[in-house]
Amino acid sequence: MLEGYTDKLGATPFVLNLYKILSEQRYSDVITWEQSGTKFIIKDLVGFSFKVLPQYYDTNKLALFSRQLSVKRLIV
């Protein structure tokens, strides 16, 4: 995908992929929405790093994923 690309609503590929991951029932044992639906919880860090991240991002490093969350201002 193109660097700096956003969809019609302004979401970047990183955000779109995160939404796809959270929408996938097969990953619900690893990552899921928090009950309020405003936050997500990574329930299995190792599984997330090695099972999910490489499928959607160019890394399996949780630190890089966390950094992107921070850069996109998705965590406080």
N, C-alpha and C. Protein backbone atom coordinates (compact mmCIF):
# COMPACT_ATOMS: atom_id res chain seq x y z
N MET A 1 0.83 -1.19 0.00
CA MET A 1 0.00 0.00 0.00
C MET A 1 0.87 1.25 0.00
N LEU A 2 0.29 2.31 -0.43
CA LEU A 2 1.04 3.55 -0.54
C LEU A 2 1.18 4.24 0.81
N GLU A 3 2.38 4.74 1.05
CA GLU A 3 2.63 5.50 2.28
C GLU A 3 1.77 6.76 2.24
N GLY A 4 1.10 7.05 3.30
CA GLY A 4 0.27 8.24 3.37
C GLY A 4 -1.13 8.07 2.80
N TYR A 5 -1.42 6.89 2.26
CA TYR A 5 -2.75 6.62 1.71
C TYR A 5 -3.80 6.66 2.82
N THR A 6 -4.94 7.22 2.53
CA THR A 6 -6.09 7.15 3.43
C THR A 6 -7.32 6.81 2.61
N ASP A 7 -8.28 6.14 3.24
CA ASP A 7 -9.52 5.85 2.54
C ASP A 7 -10.43 7.08 2.58
N LYS A 8 -11.64 6.95 2.11
CA LYS A 8 -12.56 8.09 2.04
C LYS A 8 -12.89 8.68 3.41
N LEU A 9 -12.77 7.86 4.46
CA LEU A 9 -13.07 8.35 5.81
C LEU A 9 -11.82 8.84 6.53
N GLY A 10 -10.66 8.75 5.87
CA GLY A 10 -9.43 9.22 6.47
C GLY A 10 -8.65 8.14 7.20
N ALA A 11 -9.07 6.89 7.12
CA ALA A 11 -8.37 5.81 7.80
C ALA A 11 -7.15 5.36 6.99
N THR A 12 -6.05 5.17 7.66
CA THR A 12 -4.83 4.70 7.02
C THR A 12 -4.85 3.18 6.90
N PRO A 13 -3.98 2.60 6.08
CA PRO A 13 -3.90 1.15 5.98
C PRO A 13 -3.68 0.47 7.34
N PHE A 14 -2.89 1.09 8.20
CA PHE A 14 -2.67 0.53 9.53
C PHE A 14 -3.98 0.39 10.28
N VAL A 15 -4.77 1.44 10.28
CA VAL A 15 -6.05 1.44 11.00
C VAL A 15 -7.03 0.48 10.34
N LEU A 16 -7.08 0.46 9.02
CA LEU A 16 -7.97 -0.46 8.32
C LEU A 16 -7.62 -1.91 8.62
N ASN A 17 -6.33 -2.23 8.64
CA ASN A 17 -5.91 -3.59 8.97
C ASN A 17 -6.25 -3.95 10.41
N LEU A 18 -6.09 -3.02 11.32
CA LEU A 18 -6.44 -3.27 12.71
C LEU A 18 -7.94 -3.58 12.83
N TYR A 19 -8.74 -2.83 12.12
CA TYR A 19 -10.18 -3.08 12.14
C TYR A 19 -10.51 -4.46 11.56
N LYS A 20 -9.83 -4.83 10.48
CA LYS A 20 -10.02 -6.15 9.88
C LYS A 20 -9.67 -7.25 10.88
N ILE A 21 -8.56 -7.08 11.57
CA ILE A 21 -8.13 -8.07 12.56
C ILE A 21 -9.19 -8.22 13.65
N LEU A 22 -9.66 -7.11 14.16
CA LEU A 22 -10.66 -7.14 15.23
C LEU A 22 -12.01 -7.68 14.75
N SER A 23 -12.24 -7.64 13.45
CA SER A 23 -13.48 -8.17 12.88
C SER A 23 -13.42 -9.67 12.62
N GLU A 24 -12.21 -10.22 12.61
CA GLU A 24 -12.01 -11.64 12.32
C GLU A 24 -12.30 -12.49 13.56
N GLN A 25 -13.32 -13.31 13.48
CA GLN A 25 -13.68 -14.20 14.60
C GLN A 25 -12.54 -15.16 14.94
N ARG A 26 -11.77 -15.56 13.93
CA ARG A 26 -10.69 -16.54 14.17
C ARG A 26 -9.59 -16.01 15.09
N TYR A 27 -9.53 -14.71 15.28
CA TYR A 27 -8.51 -14.12 16.16
C TYR A 27 -9.07 -13.74 17.53
N SER A 28 -10.31 -14.06 17.80
CA SER A 28 -10.95 -13.61 19.05
C SER A 28 -10.29 -14.17 20.31
N ASP A 29 -9.55 -15.27 20.17
CA ASP A 29 -8.83 -15.80 21.33
C ASP A 29 -7.52 -15.04 21.57
N VAL A 30 -7.14 -14.21 20.60
CA VAL A 30 -5.87 -13.47 20.66
C VAL A 30 -6.09 -11.98 20.90
N ILE A 31 -7.06 -11.41 20.18
CA ILE A 31 -7.35 -9.98 20.27
C ILE A 31 -8.86 -9.78 20.13
N THR A 32 -9.41 -8.89 20.91
CA THR A 32 -10.85 -8.67 20.87
C THR A 32 -11.19 -7.26 21.34
N TRP A 33 -12.39 -6.83 20.99
CA TRP A 33 -12.88 -5.54 21.50
C TRP A 33 -13.17 -5.68 22.99
N GLU A 34 -12.89 -4.65 23.73
CA GLU A 34 -13.28 -4.56 25.13
C GLU A 34 -14.80 -4.40 25.15
N GLN A 35 -15.41 -4.74 26.25
CA GLN A 35 -16.88 -4.77 26.34
C GLN A 35 -17.55 -3.48 25.87
N SER A 36 -16.95 -2.34 26.15
CA SER A 36 -17.56 -1.06 25.74
C SER A 36 -17.49 -0.84 24.24
N GLY A 37 -16.59 -1.56 23.56
CA GLY A 37 -16.42 -1.39 22.12
C GLY A 37 -15.58 -0.19 21.73
N THR A 38 -14.98 0.46 22.73
CA THR A 38 -14.14 1.63 22.44
C THR A 38 -12.66 1.34 22.55
N LYS A 39 -12.32 0.14 23.03
CA LYS A 39 -10.92 -0.27 23.22
C LYS A 39 -10.80 -1.72 22.79
N PHE A 40 -9.57 -2.13 22.51
CA PHE A 40 -9.35 -3.53 22.24
C PHE A 40 -8.34 -4.09 23.23
N ILE A 41 -8.38 -5.39 23.39
CA ILE A 41 -7.50 -6.09 24.33
C ILE A 41 -6.74 -7.16 23.56
N ILE A 42 -5.43 -7.15 23.70
CA ILE A 42 -4.62 -8.24 23.17
C ILE A 42 -4.49 -9.25 24.30
N LYS A 43 -5.16 -10.39 24.14
CA LYS A 43 -5.22 -11.40 25.21
C LYS A 43 -4.02 -12.34 25.19
N ASP A 44 -3.38 -12.48 24.06
CA ASP A 44 -2.24 -13.38 23.92
C ASP A 44 -1.17 -12.66 23.11
N LEU A 45 -0.20 -12.06 23.80
CA LEU A 45 0.83 -11.26 23.13
C LEU A 45 1.67 -12.08 22.17
N VAL A 46 2.05 -13.28 22.58
CA VAL A 46 2.88 -14.13 21.71
C VAL A 46 2.08 -14.56 20.49
N GLY A 47 0.86 -15.01 20.71
CA GLY A 47 0.01 -15.40 19.59
C GLY A 47 -0.25 -14.24 18.64
N PHE A 48 -0.48 -13.06 19.20
CA PHE A 48 -0.70 -11.88 18.37
C PHE A 48 0.53 -11.56 17.53
N SER A 49 1.70 -11.64 18.17
CA SER A 49 2.95 -11.32 17.48
C SER A 49 3.24 -12.28 16.34
N PHE A 50 3.01 -13.57 16.55
CA PHE A 50 3.43 -14.55 15.57
C PHE A 50 2.30 -15.09 14.69
N LYS A 51 1.07 -14.98 15.13
CA LYS A 51 -0.06 -15.51 14.38
C LYS A 51 -0.78 -14.42 13.58
N VAL A 52 -0.88 -13.24 14.15
CA VAL A 52 -1.71 -12.19 13.55
C VAL A 52 -0.87 -11.12 12.83
N LEU A 53 0.07 -10.52 13.52
CA LEU A 53 0.84 -9.41 12.94
C LEU A 53 1.42 -9.71 11.56
N PRO A 54 2.09 -10.86 11.37
CA PRO A 54 2.68 -11.11 10.04
C PRO A 54 1.65 -11.23 8.92
N GLN A 55 0.40 -11.53 9.26
CA GLN A 55 -0.65 -11.65 8.25
C GLN A 55 -1.09 -10.29 7.70
N TYR A 56 -0.93 -9.24 8.50
CA TYR A 56 -1.45 -7.92 8.13
C TYR A 56 -0.40 -6.82 8.05
N TYR A 57 0.74 -7.03 8.69
CA TYR A 57 1.78 -6.02 8.72
C TYR A 57 3.11 -6.66 8.32
N ASP A 58 4.09 -5.85 8.04
CA ASP A 58 5.40 -6.35 7.60
C ASP A 58 6.31 -6.71 8.77
N THR A 59 5.73 -7.04 9.90
CA THR A 59 6.54 -7.34 11.08
C THR A 59 5.80 -8.29 12.00
N ASN A 60 6.54 -8.89 12.91
CA ASN A 60 5.91 -9.64 14.00
C ASN A 60 6.34 -9.04 15.34
N LYS A 61 6.89 -7.85 15.29
CA LYS A 61 7.38 -7.18 16.49
C LYS A 61 6.28 -6.32 17.13
N LEU A 62 5.91 -6.69 18.32
CA LEU A 62 4.86 -5.98 19.04
C LEU A 62 5.26 -4.53 19.31
N ALA A 63 6.54 -4.27 19.53
CA ALA A 63 7.00 -2.90 19.79
C ALA A 63 6.70 -1.98 18.61
N LEU A 64 6.88 -2.48 17.39
CA LEU A 64 6.60 -1.66 16.21
C LEU A 64 5.10 -1.42 16.05
N PHE A 65 4.30 -2.43 16.35
CA PHE A 65 2.85 -2.27 16.33
C PHE A 65 2.43 -1.22 17.36
N SER A 66 2.97 -1.31 18.55
CA SER A 66 2.65 -0.35 19.62
C SER A 66 3.05 1.06 19.22
N ARG A 67 4.19 1.18 18.57
CA ARG A 67 4.65 2.50 18.13
C ARG A 67 3.66 3.08 17.13
N GLN A 68 3.18 2.27 16.20
CA GLN A 68 2.21 2.76 15.23
C GLN A 68 0.91 3.19 15.91
N LEU A 69 0.50 2.46 16.93
CA LEU A 69 -0.69 2.87 17.70
C LEU A 69 -0.47 4.25 18.28
N SER A 70 0.72 4.48 18.80
CA SER A 70 1.05 5.77 19.39
C SER A 70 1.11 6.87 18.33
N VAL A 71 1.77 6.59 17.22
CA VAL A 71 1.89 7.56 16.13
C VAL A 71 0.52 7.95 15.60
N LYS A 72 -0.37 6.97 15.48
CA LYS A 72 -1.72 7.23 14.97
C LYS A 72 -2.64 7.79 16.04
N ARG A 73 -2.08 7.97 17.23
CA ARG A 73 -2.82 8.50 18.38
C ARG A 73 -4.02 7.64 18.74
N LEU A 74 -3.79 6.33 18.65
CA LEU A 74 -4.83 5.37 19.02
C LEU A 74 -4.67 4.89 20.45
N ILE A 75 -3.57 5.27 21.09
CA ILE A 75 -3.39 4.95 22.51
C ILE A 75 -2.99 6.24 23.22
N VAL A 76 -3.29 6.27 24.48
CA VAL A 76 -2.93 7.44 25.30
C VAL A 76 -2.12 6.99 26.48
